[in-house]
C-alpha atoms as a PDB file:
ATOM      1  CA  MET A   1      13.640 -20.481   1.916  1.00  0.00           C
ATOM      2  CA  SER A   2      13.130 -18.232  -1.052  1.00  0.00           C
ATOM      3  CA  GLU A   3      13.983 -14.589  -0.256  1.00  0.00           C
ATOM      4  CA  ALA A   4      12.867 -13.361  -3.911  1.00  0.00           C
ATOM      5  CA  TYR A   5      10.050 -11.149  -4.110  1.00  0.00           C
ATOM      6  CA  ALA A   6       8.425  -9.321  -7.001  1.00  0.00           C
ATOM      7  CA  TYR A   7       6.520  -6.269  -7.789  1.00  0.00           C
ATOM      8  CA  ARG A   8       3.171  -6.223  -9.125  1.00  0.00           C
ATOM      9  CA  PRO A   9       1.271  -4.204 -11.600  1.00  0.00           C
ATOM     10  CA  HIS A  10      -1.823  -2.169  -9.537  1.00  0.00           C
ATOM     11  CA  PRO A  11      -4.005   0.285 -11.454  1.00  0.00           C
ATOM     12  CA  LEU A  12      -3.542   2.577  -8.475  1.00  0.00           C
ATOM     13  CA  LEU A  13       0.224   3.182  -8.711  1.00  0.00           C
ATOM     14  CA  ARG A  14       1.552   6.898  -8.292  1.00  0.00           C
ATOM     15  CA  ARG A  15      -2.173   7.953  -7.293  1.00  0.00           C
ATOM     16  CA  ARG A  16      -3.456   8.974  -4.297  1.00  0.00           C
ATOM     17  CA  VAL A  17      -5.031   6.292  -2.206  1.00  0.00           C
ATOM     18  CA  ARG A  18      -6.268   5.643   1.418  1.00  0.00           C
ATOM     19  CA  ASP A  19      -5.318   2.803   3.694  1.00  0.00           C
ATOM     20  CA  VAL A  20      -8.943   1.520   4.800  1.00  0.00           C
ATOM     21  CA  ALA A  21      -7.182  -0.274   7.944  1.00  0.00           C
ATOM     22  CA  SER A  22      -5.580   3.332   9.181  1.00  0.00           C
ATOM     23  CA  GLY A  23      -7.591   5.941   7.451  1.00  0.00           C
ATOM     24  CA  VAL A  24      -4.277   7.197   6.409  1.00  0.00           C
ATOM     25  CA  GLU A  25      -3.628   8.974   2.887  1.00  0.00           C
ATOM     26  CA  GLY A  26      -0.962   9.056   0.962  1.00  0.00           C
ATOM     27  CA  GLU A  27       0.381   7.670  -2.746  1.00  0.00           C
ATOM     28  CA  LEU A  28       0.648   4.433  -3.859  1.00  0.00           C
ATOM     29  CA  MET A  29       4.445   3.931  -4.662  1.00  0.00           C
ATOM     30  CA  ALA A  30       4.825  -0.034  -5.107  1.00  0.00           C
ATOM     31  CA  VAL A  31       3.215  -3.220  -4.531  1.00  0.00           C
ATOM     32  CA  ILE A  32       5.229  -6.078  -4.340  1.00  0.00           C
ATOM     33  CA  ASN A  33       4.386 -10.219  -3.443  1.00  0.00           C
ATOM     34  CA  GLU A  34       6.483 -10.961  -0.163  1.00  0.00           C
ATOM     35  CA  ASN A  35       6.837 -13.483   1.922  1.00  0.00           C
ATOM     36  CA  VAL A  36       6.218 -12.708   5.329  1.00  0.00           C
ATOM     37  CA  SER A  37       6.790 -16.216   7.190  1.00  0.00           C
ATOM     38  CA  ALA A  38       8.206 -16.313  10.639  1.00  0.00           C
ATOM     39  CA  VAL A  39       9.024 -19.494   9.888  1.00  0.00           C
ATOM     40  CA  ALA A  40      11.372 -21.048   7.285  1.00  0.00           C
ATOM     41  CA  ALA A  41      10.041 -24.097   6.856  1.00  0.00           C
ATOM     42  CA  ARG A  42       6.105 -22.613   5.853  1.00  0.00           C
ATOM     43  CA  GLU A  43       6.531 -19.886   3.283  1.00  0.00           C
ATOM     44  CA  TYR A  44       3.515 -17.069   3.187  1.00  0.00           C
ATOM     45  CA  TRP A  45       3.486 -14.924   0.092  1.00  0.00           C
ATOM     46  CA  ILE A  46       1.129 -11.694   0.592  1.00  0.00           C
ATOM     47  CA  ASP A  47       0.736  -9.124  -1.707  1.00  0.00           C
ATOM     48  CA  LEU A  48       1.750  -5.868   0.227  1.00  0.00           C
ATOM     49  CA  ALA A  49       1.321  -2.097  -1.017  1.00  0.00           C
ATOM     50  CA  TYR A  50       3.377   0.508  -0.171  1.00  0.00           C
ATOM     51  CA  ILE A  51       2.332   3.771   0.498  1.00  0.00           C
ATOM     52  CA  ARG A  52       4.068   7.441   0.868  1.00  0.00           C
ATOM     53  CA  ALA A  53       2.254   9.865   3.302  1.00  0.00           C
ATOM     54  CA  ALA A  54       2.104  13.189   3.490  1.00  0.00           C
ATOM     55  CA  SER A  55       4.901  13.129   6.109  1.00  0.00           C
ATOM     56  CA  GLY A  56       7.266  11.309   3.512  1.00  0.00           C
ATOM     57  CA  ARG A  57       7.480   8.090   5.280  1.00  0.00           C
ATOM     58  CA  GLU A  58       6.362   5.027   3.277  1.00  0.00           C
ATOM     59  CA  PHE A  59       4.301   2.291   5.219  1.00  0.00           C
ATOM     60  CA  SER A  60       2.914  -0.958   4.149  1.00  0.00           C
ATOM     61  CA  THR A  61      -0.741  -2.535   3.907  1.00  0.00           C
ATOM     62  CA  SER A  62      -2.441  -5.482   2.669  1.00  0.00           C
ATOM     63  CA  VAL A  63      -3.108  -4.312  -1.202  1.00  0.00           C
ATOM     64  CA  ASP A  64      -6.924  -5.173  -0.351  1.00  0.00           C
ATOM     65  CA  ASN A  65      -6.817  -2.554   1.770  1.00  0.00           C
ATOM     66  CA  VAL A  66      -6.144  -0.011  -0.560  1.00  0.00           C
ATOM     67  CA  GLU A  67      -8.525   2.009  -2.262  1.00  0.00           C
ATOM     68  CA  ALA A  68      -8.777   5.602  -4.342  1.00  0.00           C
ATOM     69  CA  ALA A  69      -8.792   8.540  -1.950  1.00  0.00           C
ATOM     70  CA  THR A  70     -11.780  10.928  -3.047  1.00  0.00           C
ATOM     71  CA  ARG A  71     -11.305  13.793  -1.440  1.00  0.00           C
ATOM     72  CA  PRO A  72     -11.082  16.268  -4.201  1.00  0.00           C
ATOM     73  CA  SER A  73      -7.391  17.842  -4.889  1.00  0.00           C
ATOM     74  CA  GLY A  74      -6.914  21.819  -3.715  1.00  0.00           C
ATOM     75  CA  GLY A  75      -9.600  21.653  -1.095  1.00  0.00           C
ATOM     76  CA  PRO A  76      -8.816  20.794   2.690  1.00  0.00           C
ATOM     77  CA  ALA A  77     -10.375  17.799   4.207  1.00  0.00           C
ATOM     78  CA  GLY A  78     -14.023  18.002   4.875  1.00  0.00           C
ATOM     79  CA  GLU A  79     -14.627  19.912   2.264  1.00  0.00           C
ATOM     80  CA  GLY A  80     -16.908  18.200  -1.182  1.00  0.00           C
END
């Protein structure tokens, strides 16, 4: 089983994004192709997006769940 992973380019890197699965917004820090298999005999690779939330903690989600955040900067949530 290979333990390697690879960083992927993404047009929203270092921009404000939303995880559509959880609704949490933050800055897209990285997209990494990782092996997420539980069994060594069958590798399963997916692209994971790492997002840094306002709390400073990073979490991962499928890259397919990432979209640009549309809230205007400078205004509180709900305005605009």
